[in-house]
Amino acid sequence: MKNLKNKIGVAVLAASSFVASQAMAADVDISAAVTSATTDIKTAGGLIVGVVVAVAAFTWIRRVIK
């Protein structure tokens, strides 16, 4: 049983190394995806900063009115 587990482990290791080498062989251009993600992150960051500033201004105005 132990010998069978070792053989299965070796077979899985060999198969996974073959799959990994095939995945690394492909040349993939991701510059468009990175540019799009950067734009989305900048937009989300700007919205978050806007909300924080709006909440701070609202609380400041409420404090002045009281």
N, C-alpha and C. Protein backbone atom coordinates (compact mmCIF):
# COMPACT_ATOMS: atom_id res chain seq x y z
N MET A 1 0.83 -1.19 0.00
CA MET A 1 0.00 0.00 0.00
C MET A 1 0.87 1.26 0.00
N LYS A 2 1.96 1.23 0.81
CA LYS A 2 2.84 2.38 0.87
C LYS A 2 3.54 2.59 -0.48
N ASN A 3 3.92 1.51 -1.13
CA ASN A 3 4.57 1.59 -2.42
C ASN A 3 3.61 2.18 -3.46
N LEU A 4 2.33 1.81 -3.39
CA LEU A 4 1.33 2.33 -4.32
C LEU A 4 1.15 3.83 -4.12
N LYS A 5 1.13 4.31 -2.87
CA LYS A 5 1.00 5.74 -2.59
C LYS A 5 2.19 6.51 -3.14
N ASN A 6 3.37 5.93 -3.01
CA ASN A 6 4.57 6.59 -3.54
C ASN A 6 4.51 6.69 -5.05
N LYS A 7 4.05 5.64 -5.72
CA LYS A 7 3.95 5.66 -7.18
C LYS A 7 2.90 6.66 -7.64
N ILE A 8 1.79 6.73 -6.93
CA ILE A 8 0.76 7.72 -7.29
C ILE A 8 1.29 9.13 -7.07
N GLY A 9 2.01 9.34 -5.99
CA GLY A 9 2.58 10.65 -5.71
C GLY A 9 3.57 11.08 -6.78
N VAL A 10 4.40 10.16 -7.23
CA VAL A 10 5.37 10.46 -8.29
C VAL A 10 4.64 10.78 -9.59
N ALA A 11 3.58 10.04 -9.90
CA ALA A 11 2.82 10.28 -11.12
C ALA A 11 2.14 11.64 -11.08
N VAL A 12 1.57 12.00 -9.94
CA VAL A 12 0.93 13.31 -9.80
C VAL A 12 1.95 14.43 -9.92
N LEU A 13 3.09 14.25 -9.31
CA LEU A 13 4.15 15.26 -9.38
C LEU A 13 4.63 15.44 -10.82
N ALA A 14 4.81 14.36 -11.54
CA ALA A 14 5.25 14.44 -12.93
C ALA A 14 4.19 15.13 -13.79
N ALA A 15 2.92 14.81 -13.58
CA ALA A 15 1.86 15.42 -14.36
C ALA A 15 1.74 16.91 -14.07
N SER A 16 1.86 17.27 -12.80
CA SER A 16 1.74 18.69 -12.45
C SER A 16 2.92 19.50 -12.99
N SER A 17 4.09 18.93 -13.03
CA SER A 17 5.23 19.66 -13.58
C SER A 17 5.07 19.85 -15.08
N PHE A 18 4.47 18.88 -15.75
CA PHE A 18 4.21 19.02 -17.18
C PHE A 18 3.19 20.12 -17.44
N VAL A 19 2.14 20.16 -16.64
CA VAL A 19 1.11 21.18 -16.80
C VAL A 19 1.69 22.55 -16.50
N ALA A 20 2.51 22.66 -15.47
CA ALA A 20 3.10 23.94 -15.12
C ALA A 20 4.03 24.43 -16.21
N SER A 21 4.79 23.55 -16.80
CA SER A 21 5.71 23.98 -17.86
C SER A 21 4.94 24.42 -19.10
N GLN A 22 3.80 23.80 -19.39
CA GLN A 22 2.99 24.21 -20.52
C GLN A 22 2.35 25.57 -20.25
N ALA A 23 1.95 25.83 -19.03
CA ALA A 23 1.33 27.10 -18.69
C ALA A 23 2.35 28.23 -18.78
N MET A 24 3.58 27.98 -18.43
CA MET A 24 4.60 29.01 -18.47
C MET A 24 5.10 29.26 -19.89
N ALA A 25 4.83 28.35 -20.81
CA ALA A 25 5.34 28.49 -22.16
C ALA A 25 4.57 29.54 -22.95
N ALA A 26 3.32 29.79 -22.60
CA ALA A 26 2.50 30.74 -23.34
C ALA A 26 2.90 32.17 -22.99
N ASP A 27 3.06 33.00 -24.02
CA ASP A 27 3.38 34.41 -23.83
C ASP A 27 2.07 35.18 -23.85
N VAL A 28 1.70 35.77 -22.71
CA VAL A 28 0.42 36.44 -22.57
C VAL A 28 0.67 37.92 -22.35
N ASP A 29 -0.04 38.76 -23.12
CA ASP A 29 0.07 40.21 -22.98
C ASP A 29 -1.05 40.69 -22.05
N ILE A 30 -0.68 41.22 -20.90
CA ILE A 30 -1.68 41.64 -19.93
C ILE A 30 -1.68 43.16 -19.74
N SER A 31 -1.03 43.89 -20.63
CA SER A 31 -0.93 45.34 -20.43
C SER A 31 -2.29 46.02 -20.50
N ALA A 32 -3.19 45.56 -21.35
CA ALA A 32 -4.52 46.16 -21.44
C ALA A 32 -5.31 45.91 -20.16
N ALA A 33 -5.19 44.72 -19.60
CA ALA A 33 -5.90 44.40 -18.37
C ALA A 33 -5.36 45.22 -17.21
N VAL A 34 -4.06 45.39 -17.16
CA VAL A 34 -3.44 46.17 -16.09
C VAL A 34 -3.86 47.63 -16.19
N THR A 35 -3.89 48.17 -17.41
CA THR A 35 -4.31 49.55 -17.61
C THR A 35 -5.75 49.75 -17.19
N SER A 36 -6.60 48.80 -17.55
CA SER A 36 -8.01 48.88 -17.18
C SER A 36 -8.18 48.79 -15.67
N ALA A 37 -7.45 47.89 -15.04
CA ALA A 37 -7.53 47.73 -13.59
C ALA A 37 -7.02 48.98 -12.88
N THR A 38 -5.97 49.59 -13.40
CA THR A 38 -5.43 50.81 -12.80
C THR A 38 -6.46 51.93 -12.86
N THR A 39 -7.14 52.05 -13.99
CA THR A 39 -8.18 53.07 -14.13
C THR A 39 -9.31 52.82 -13.15
N ASP A 40 -9.73 51.57 -13.02
CA ASP A 40 -10.81 51.24 -12.09
C ASP A 40 -10.42 51.53 -10.64
N ILE A 41 -9.18 51.22 -10.29
CA ILE A 41 -8.71 51.46 -8.93
C ILE A 41 -8.64 52.95 -8.64
N LYS A 42 -8.19 53.74 -9.61
CA LYS A 42 -8.15 55.19 -9.42
C LYS A 42 -9.54 55.75 -9.25
N THR A 43 -10.50 55.26 -10.02
CA THR A 43 -11.88 55.73 -9.90
C THR A 43 -12.46 55.39 -8.53
N ALA A 44 -12.25 54.15 -8.09
CA ALA A 44 -12.77 53.73 -6.79
C ALA A 44 -12.10 54.52 -5.67
N GLY A 45 -10.82 54.76 -5.76
CA GLY A 45 -10.12 55.54 -4.75
C GLY A 45 -10.63 56.96 -4.67
N GLY A 46 -10.88 57.56 -5.83
CA GLY A 46 -11.43 58.91 -5.86
C GLY A 46 -12.80 58.98 -5.23
N LEU A 47 -13.64 57.98 -5.49
CA LEU A 47 -14.97 57.96 -4.89
C LEU A 47 -14.89 57.79 -3.38
N ILE A 48 -13.99 56.96 -2.92
CA ILE A 48 -13.84 56.75 -1.48
C ILE A 48 -13.37 58.04 -0.79
N VAL A 49 -12.40 58.70 -1.38
CA VAL A 49 -11.91 59.95 -0.81
C VAL A 49 -13.03 60.99 -0.80
N GLY A 50 -13.83 61.03 -1.86
CA GLY A 50 -14.95 61.96 -1.92
C GLY A 50 -15.97 61.70 -0.83
N VAL A 51 -16.28 60.44 -0.58
CA VAL A 51 -17.23 60.10 0.48
C VAL A 51 -16.67 60.48 1.85
N VAL A 52 -15.41 60.22 2.10
CA VAL A 52 -14.80 60.57 3.38
C VAL A 52 -14.82 62.08 3.58
N VAL A 53 -14.50 62.84 2.56
CA VAL A 53 -14.51 64.30 2.66
C VAL A 53 -15.93 64.80 2.88
N ALA A 54 -16.91 64.22 2.19
CA ALA A 54 -18.30 64.65 2.36
C ALA A 54 -18.79 64.38 3.78
N VAL A 55 -18.47 63.22 4.34
CA VAL A 55 -18.88 62.90 5.71
C VAL A 55 -18.20 63.84 6.69
N ALA A 56 -16.92 64.11 6.49
CA ALA A 56 -16.21 65.03 7.39
C ALA A 56 -16.80 66.43 7.31
N ALA A 57 -17.11 66.89 6.11
CA ALA A 57 -17.70 68.23 5.95
C ALA A 57 -19.08 68.28 6.59
N PHE A 58 -19.87 67.23 6.42
CA PHE A 58 -21.20 67.19 7.00
C PHE A 58 -21.15 67.25 8.53
N THR A 59 -20.24 66.47 9.12
CA THR A 59 -20.13 66.50 10.59
C THR A 59 -19.59 67.84 11.07
N TRP A 60 -18.69 68.46 10.32
CA TRP A 60 -18.16 69.76 10.69
C TRP A 60 -19.25 70.82 10.64
N ILE A 61 -20.09 70.78 9.60
CA ILE A 61 -21.18 71.75 9.47
C ILE A 61 -22.20 71.54 10.59
N ARG A 62 -22.51 70.30 10.94
CA ARG A 62 -23.46 70.03 12.04
C ARG A 62 -22.91 70.55 13.36
N ARG A 63 -21.61 70.41 13.56
CA ARG A 63 -21.00 70.88 14.80
C ARG A 63 -21.06 72.42 14.87
N VAL A 64 -20.88 73.10 13.75
CA VAL A 64 -20.91 74.56 13.73
C VAL A 64 -22.32 75.06 13.97
N ILE A 65 -23.33 74.38 13.41
CA ILE A 65 -24.71 74.81 13.56
C ILE A 65 -25.19 74.66 14.99
N LYS A 66 -24.78 73.63 15.71
CA LYS A 66 -25.20 73.42 17.10
C LYS A 66 -24.67 74.48 17.95
